[in-house]
Amino acid sequence: MINSKMNIIVYRVTLTTGQVREHRYEVPNTAPESLKFVDFMVKLMSSALNRKVYYLPLQHPSIVYNAQHIVAIDTEVLGEDEFKKKMQEAQERAGRKLGFTPPEKGR
């Protein structure tokens, strides 16, 4: 169970090309609003995966997918602590802090 102020749902869309794209949505903290949001997203994605619609529009970043090119959609829920941990892991993999790093002198 997530005990944090901010919850984020990450949707990973896998395409027939093998590309995986991530979309991050902040989720409302109240149960009725979060359930309404999740219900909407499940119906939207289910319609695309079952080919009931021809496209799937997602935000963060904004991309409209051709439903025929979607192989899978994975979901992950992050609370504030989990989100910070994922960012730290990504920064460590990158070998530096994400964001602007000024160039070293003499280079």
N, C-alpha and C. Protein backbone atom coordinates (compact mmCIF):
# COMPACT_ATOMS: atom_id res chain seq x y z
N MET A 1 0.84 -1.18 0.00
CA MET A 1 0.00 0.00 0.00
C MET A 1 0.89 1.24 0.00
N ILE A 2 0.49 2.24 -0.72
CA ILE A 2 1.28 3.46 -0.85
C ILE A 2 0.84 4.47 0.20
N ASN A 3 1.79 4.91 1.00
CA ASN A 3 1.50 5.93 2.01
C ASN A 3 2.26 7.19 1.63
N SER A 4 1.74 7.96 0.73
CA SER A 4 2.42 9.17 0.32
C SER A 4 1.41 10.22 -0.11
N LYS A 5 1.91 11.43 -0.33
CA LYS A 5 1.05 12.54 -0.72
C LYS A 5 0.72 12.51 -2.20
N MET A 6 1.63 11.98 -2.99
CA MET A 6 1.47 11.99 -4.44
C MET A 6 1.52 10.56 -4.97
N ASN A 7 0.57 10.22 -5.81
CA ASN A 7 0.59 8.92 -6.47
C ASN A 7 0.71 9.13 -7.96
N ILE A 8 1.47 8.29 -8.60
CA ILE A 8 1.68 8.39 -10.03
C ILE A 8 1.43 7.01 -10.63
N ILE A 9 0.68 7.00 -11.74
CA ILE A 9 0.51 5.75 -12.50
C ILE A 9 1.35 5.89 -13.75
N VAL A 10 2.17 4.88 -13.99
CA VAL A 10 3.01 4.84 -15.18
C VAL A 10 2.42 3.78 -16.11
N TYR A 11 2.10 4.19 -17.33
CA TYR A 11 1.63 3.26 -18.35
C TYR A 11 2.76 3.09 -19.36
N ARG A 12 3.17 1.84 -19.61
CA ARG A 12 4.20 1.54 -20.59
C ARG A 12 3.55 0.84 -21.78
N VAL A 13 3.61 1.50 -22.93
CA VAL A 13 2.99 0.98 -24.14
C VAL A 13 4.09 0.32 -24.98
N THR A 14 3.92 -0.97 -25.27
CA THR A 14 4.86 -1.71 -26.11
C THR A 14 4.26 -1.80 -27.51
N LEU A 15 5.05 -1.40 -28.50
CA LEU A 15 4.59 -1.37 -29.89
C LEU A 15 5.12 -2.56 -30.68
N THR A 16 4.55 -2.80 -31.84
CA THR A 16 4.99 -3.91 -32.69
C THR A 16 6.44 -3.75 -33.13
N THR A 17 6.96 -2.53 -33.09
CA THR A 17 8.36 -2.27 -33.46
C THR A 17 9.32 -2.62 -32.33
N GLY A 18 8.78 -2.94 -31.15
CA GLY A 18 9.61 -3.23 -29.99
C GLY A 18 9.83 -2.02 -29.11
N GLN A 19 9.45 -0.84 -29.59
CA GLN A 19 9.58 0.37 -28.79
C GLN A 19 8.66 0.30 -27.58
N VAL A 20 9.14 0.87 -26.47
CA VAL A 20 8.32 0.99 -25.27
C VAL A 20 8.29 2.46 -24.90
N ARG A 21 7.10 3.00 -24.76
CA ARG A 21 6.94 4.42 -24.41
C ARG A 21 6.24 4.50 -23.06
N GLU A 22 6.71 5.44 -22.22
CA GLU A 22 6.14 5.64 -20.89
C GLU A 22 5.29 6.89 -20.82
N HIS A 23 4.18 6.77 -20.11
CA HIS A 23 3.30 7.90 -19.86
C HIS A 23 3.02 7.94 -18.36
N ARG A 24 3.25 9.10 -17.73
CA ARG A 24 3.07 9.25 -16.29
C ARG A 24 1.91 10.19 -15.99
N TYR A 25 1.00 9.72 -15.16
CA TYR A 25 -0.16 10.51 -14.76
C TYR A 25 -0.19 10.64 -13.24
N GLU A 26 -0.38 11.86 -12.77
CA GLU A 26 -0.63 12.05 -11.34
C GLU A 26 -2.06 11.61 -11.07
N VAL A 27 -2.24 10.88 -10.00
CA VAL A 27 -3.55 10.33 -9.66
C VAL A 27 -4.12 11.11 -8.48
N PRO A 28 -5.41 11.46 -8.55
CA PRO A 28 -6.04 12.16 -7.42
C PRO A 28 -5.88 11.35 -6.14
N ASN A 29 -5.75 12.04 -5.01
CA ASN A 29 -5.52 11.37 -3.73
C ASN A 29 -6.79 10.82 -3.09
N THR A 30 -7.95 11.28 -3.53
CA THR A 30 -9.18 10.78 -2.93
C THR A 30 -9.64 9.51 -3.65
N ALA A 31 -10.17 8.58 -2.90
CA ALA A 31 -10.56 7.29 -3.47
C ALA A 31 -11.58 7.41 -4.61
N PRO A 32 -12.67 8.16 -4.46
CA PRO A 32 -13.64 8.23 -5.57
C PRO A 32 -13.03 8.80 -6.85
N GLU A 33 -12.20 9.85 -6.72
CA GLU A 33 -11.59 10.45 -7.91
C GLU A 33 -10.57 9.53 -8.55
N SER A 34 -9.76 8.86 -7.72
CA SER A 34 -8.75 7.97 -8.27
C SER A 34 -9.40 6.76 -8.94
N LEU A 35 -10.47 6.23 -8.36
CA LEU A 35 -11.17 5.10 -8.98
C LEU A 35 -11.81 5.51 -10.30
N LYS A 36 -12.36 6.71 -10.34
CA LYS A 36 -12.96 7.22 -11.57
C LYS A 36 -11.90 7.35 -12.67
N PHE A 37 -10.73 7.89 -12.31
CA PHE A 37 -9.63 8.04 -13.27
C PHE A 37 -9.17 6.68 -13.78
N VAL A 38 -8.92 5.75 -12.87
CA VAL A 38 -8.44 4.42 -13.26
C VAL A 38 -9.48 3.70 -14.12
N ASP A 39 -10.73 3.81 -13.76
CA ASP A 39 -11.80 3.19 -14.54
C ASP A 39 -11.81 3.74 -15.97
N PHE A 40 -11.70 5.06 -16.10
CA PHE A 40 -11.66 5.69 -17.42
C PHE A 40 -10.48 5.16 -18.24
N MET A 41 -9.30 5.11 -17.62
CA MET A 41 -8.10 4.67 -18.34
C MET A 41 -8.19 3.20 -18.75
N VAL A 42 -8.73 2.37 -17.88
CA VAL A 42 -8.88 0.94 -18.19
C VAL A 42 -9.82 0.76 -19.38
N LYS A 43 -10.93 1.48 -19.39
CA LYS A 43 -11.87 1.39 -20.51
C LYS A 43 -11.23 1.87 -21.81
N LEU A 44 -10.49 2.97 -21.74
CA LEU A 44 -9.82 3.52 -22.91
C LEU A 44 -8.80 2.52 -23.49
N MET A 45 -7.96 1.98 -22.62
CA MET A 45 -6.93 1.05 -23.08
C MET A 45 -7.51 -0.28 -23.52
N SER A 46 -8.53 -0.74 -22.82
CA SER A 46 -9.19 -1.98 -23.19
C SER A 46 -9.81 -1.87 -24.58
N SER A 47 -10.42 -0.73 -24.86
CA SER A 47 -11.02 -0.51 -26.18
C SER A 47 -9.96 -0.58 -27.27
N ALA A 48 -8.78 -0.01 -27.00
CA ALA A 48 -7.71 -0.03 -27.99
C ALA A 48 -7.15 -1.45 -28.16
N LEU A 49 -6.93 -2.14 -27.06
CA LEU A 49 -6.36 -3.50 -27.14
C LEU A 49 -7.33 -4.48 -27.78
N ASN A 50 -8.63 -4.26 -27.60
CA ASN A 50 -9.64 -5.13 -28.19
C ASN A 50 -10.10 -4.66 -29.57
N ARG A 51 -9.41 -3.64 -30.10
CA ARG A 51 -9.64 -3.09 -31.44
C ARG A 51 -11.06 -2.55 -31.62
N LYS A 52 -11.63 -2.04 -30.52
CA LYS A 52 -12.95 -1.39 -30.61
C LYS A 52 -12.81 0.05 -31.07
N VAL A 53 -11.60 0.61 -30.94
CA VAL A 53 -11.28 1.94 -31.44
C VAL A 53 -10.02 1.80 -32.29
N TYR A 54 -9.77 2.78 -33.14
CA TYR A 54 -8.62 2.71 -34.05
C TYR A 54 -7.38 3.38 -33.50
N TYR A 55 -7.54 4.15 -32.44
CA TYR A 55 -6.39 4.87 -31.90
C TYR A 55 -6.48 4.96 -30.38
N LEU A 56 -5.34 5.24 -29.76
CA LEU A 56 -5.28 5.42 -28.31
C LEU A 56 -4.50 6.70 -28.02
N PRO A 57 -5.19 7.75 -27.56
CA PRO A 57 -4.48 8.98 -27.22
C PRO A 57 -4.04 8.95 -25.75
N LEU A 58 -2.76 9.18 -25.51
CA LEU A 58 -2.24 9.27 -24.15
C LEU A 58 -1.45 10.57 -24.00
N GLN A 59 -1.33 11.02 -22.77
CA GLN A 59 -0.60 12.26 -22.50
C GLN A 59 0.63 11.97 -21.65
N HIS A 60 1.45 12.98 -21.50
CA HIS A 60 2.64 12.97 -20.64
C HIS A 60 3.69 11.96 -21.08
N PRO A 61 4.22 12.00 -22.25
CA PRO A 61 4.03 12.96 -23.33
C PRO A 61 2.81 12.61 -24.18
N SER A 62 2.33 13.60 -24.93
CA SER A 62 1.15 13.40 -25.78
C SER A 62 1.52 12.61 -27.04
N ILE A 63 0.91 11.45 -27.17
CA ILE A 63 1.12 10.59 -28.33
C ILE A 63 -0.22 9.93 -28.65
N VAL A 64 -0.54 9.86 -29.93
CA VAL A 64 -1.73 9.13 -30.37
C VAL A 64 -1.23 7.87 -31.07
N TYR A 65 -1.57 6.71 -30.52
CA TYR A 65 -1.13 5.43 -31.05
C TYR A 65 -2.17 4.83 -31.99
N ASN A 66 -1.71 4.21 -33.04
CA ASN A 66 -2.56 3.37 -33.88
C ASN A 66 -2.78 2.08 -33.07
N ALA A 67 -4.02 1.75 -32.77
CA ALA A 67 -4.32 0.60 -31.91
C ALA A 67 -3.76 -0.71 -32.47
N GLN A 68 -3.64 -0.81 -33.78
CA GLN A 68 -3.11 -2.03 -34.39
C GLN A 68 -1.62 -2.22 -34.12
N HIS A 69 -0.94 -1.17 -33.69
CA HIS A 69 0.50 -1.26 -33.43
C HIS A 69 0.83 -1.52 -31.96
N ILE A 70 -0.20 -1.62 -31.12
CA ILE A 70 0.02 -1.85 -29.69
C ILE A 70 0.04 -3.35 -29.39
N VAL A 71 1.14 -3.78 -28.75
CA VAL A 71 1.28 -5.18 -28.38
C VAL A 71 0.83 -5.39 -26.94
N ALA A 72 1.22 -4.47 -26.05
CA ALA A 72 0.89 -4.62 -24.63
C ALA A 72 0.92 -3.26 -23.95
N ILE A 73 0.24 -3.19 -22.81
CA ILE A 73 0.28 -2.00 -21.96
C ILE A 73 0.50 -2.49 -20.54
N ASP A 74 1.61 -2.06 -19.93
CA ASP A 74 1.93 -2.40 -18.55
C ASP A 74 1.65 -1.21 -17.66
N THR A 75 1.32 -1.48 -16.42
CA THR A 75 0.97 -0.42 -15.47
C THR A 75 1.80 -0.57 -14.21
N GLU A 76 2.24 0.56 -13.67
CA GLU A 76 2.96 0.58 -12.40
C GLU A 76 2.47 1.79 -11.61
N VAL A 77 2.24 1.60 -10.31
CA VAL A 77 1.80 2.69 -9.45
C VAL A 77 2.96 3.07 -8.54
N LEU A 78 3.26 4.37 -8.52
CA LEU A 78 4.35 4.88 -7.69
C LEU A 78 3.80 5.90 -6.71
N GLY A 79 4.20 5.78 -5.45
CA GLY A 79 3.95 6.84 -4.48
C GLY A 79 5.13 7.78 -4.50
N GLU A 80 5.10 8.81 -3.69
CA GLU A 80 6.18 9.81 -3.69
C GLU A 80 7.53 9.17 -3.40
N ASP A 81 7.58 8.27 -2.40
CA ASP A 81 8.86 7.63 -2.05
C ASP A 81 9.37 6.74 -3.18
N GLU A 82 8.46 5.96 -3.78
CA GLU A 82 8.86 5.08 -4.88
C GLU A 82 9.34 5.90 -6.07
N PHE A 83 8.67 7.03 -6.34
CA PHE A 83 9.05 7.88 -7.45
C PHE A 83 10.45 8.44 -7.24
N LYS A 84 10.73 8.93 -6.04
CA LYS A 84 12.06 9.46 -5.74
C LYS A 84 13.12 8.36 -5.89
N LYS A 85 12.80 7.15 -5.43
CA LYS A 85 13.76 6.05 -5.54
C LYS A 85 14.04 5.72 -7.02
N LYS A 86 12.99 5.69 -7.85
CA LYS A 86 13.17 5.42 -9.29
C LYS A 86 14.03 6.50 -9.94
N MET A 87 13.81 7.76 -9.57
CA MET A 87 14.62 8.85 -10.12
C MET A 87 16.08 8.69 -9.71
N GLN A 88 16.32 8.32 -8.46
CA GLN A 88 17.69 8.13 -7.98
C GLN A 88 18.36 6.98 -8.73
N GLU A 89 17.64 5.88 -8.93
CA GLU A 89 18.20 4.75 -9.68
C GLU A 89 18.53 5.16 -11.11
N ALA A 90 17.65 5.93 -11.74
CA ALA A 90 17.91 6.39 -13.11
C ALA A 90 19.13 7.29 -13.15
N GLN A 91 19.27 8.16 -12.15
CA GLN A 91 20.42 9.05 -12.09
C GLN A 91 21.71 8.25 -11.92
N GLU A 92 21.67 7.21 -11.08
CA GLU A 92 22.86 6.39 -10.88
C GLU A 92 23.23 5.64 -12.16
N ARG A 93 22.24 5.13 -12.88
CA ARG A 93 22.51 4.45 -14.15
C ARG A 93 23.12 5.41 -15.16
N ALA A 94 22.65 6.66 -15.12
CA ALA A 94 23.16 7.67 -16.05
C ALA A 94 24.55 8.15 -15.62
N GLY A 95 24.94 7.88 -14.37
CA GLY A 95 26.25 8.28 -13.89
C GLY A 95 26.34 9.73 -13.49
N ARG A 96 25.24 10.43 -13.45
CA ARG A 96 25.21 11.84 -13.08
C ARG A 96 23.78 12.21 -12.71
N LYS A 97 23.62 13.39 -12.20
CA LYS A 97 22.28 13.89 -11.90
C LYS A 97 21.57 14.20 -13.20
N LEU A 98 20.31 13.85 -13.28
CA LEU A 98 19.54 14.20 -14.46
C LEU A 98 19.26 15.69 -14.44
N GLY A 99 19.25 16.29 -15.58
CA GLY A 99 19.06 17.72 -15.66
C GLY A 99 20.32 18.36 -16.22
N PHE A 100 20.45 19.65 -16.05
CA PHE A 100 21.58 20.37 -16.62
C PHE A 100 22.83 20.18 -15.77
N THR A 101 23.89 19.74 -16.39
CA THR A 101 25.19 19.65 -15.75
C THR A 101 26.14 20.54 -16.53
N PRO A 102 26.72 21.59 -15.90
CA PRO A 102 27.61 22.46 -16.65
C PRO A 102 28.87 21.71 -17.09
N PRO A 103 29.40 22.03 -18.26
CA PRO A 103 30.60 21.36 -18.73
C PRO A 103 31.79 21.70 -17.85
N GLU A 104 32.73 20.75 -17.76
CA GLU A 104 33.93 20.99 -16.97
C GLU A 104 34.83 21.98 -17.70
N LYS A 105 35.59 22.74 -16.93
CA LYS A 105 36.52 23.69 -17.54
C LYS A 105 37.62 22.93 -18.26
N GLY A 106 38.06 23.47 -19.38
CA GLY A 106 39.13 22.86 -20.13
C GLY A 106 38.67 21.81 -21.12
N ARG A 107 37.39 21.60 -21.24
CA ARG A 107 36.87 20.61 -22.20
C ARG A 107 36.19 21.29 -23.35
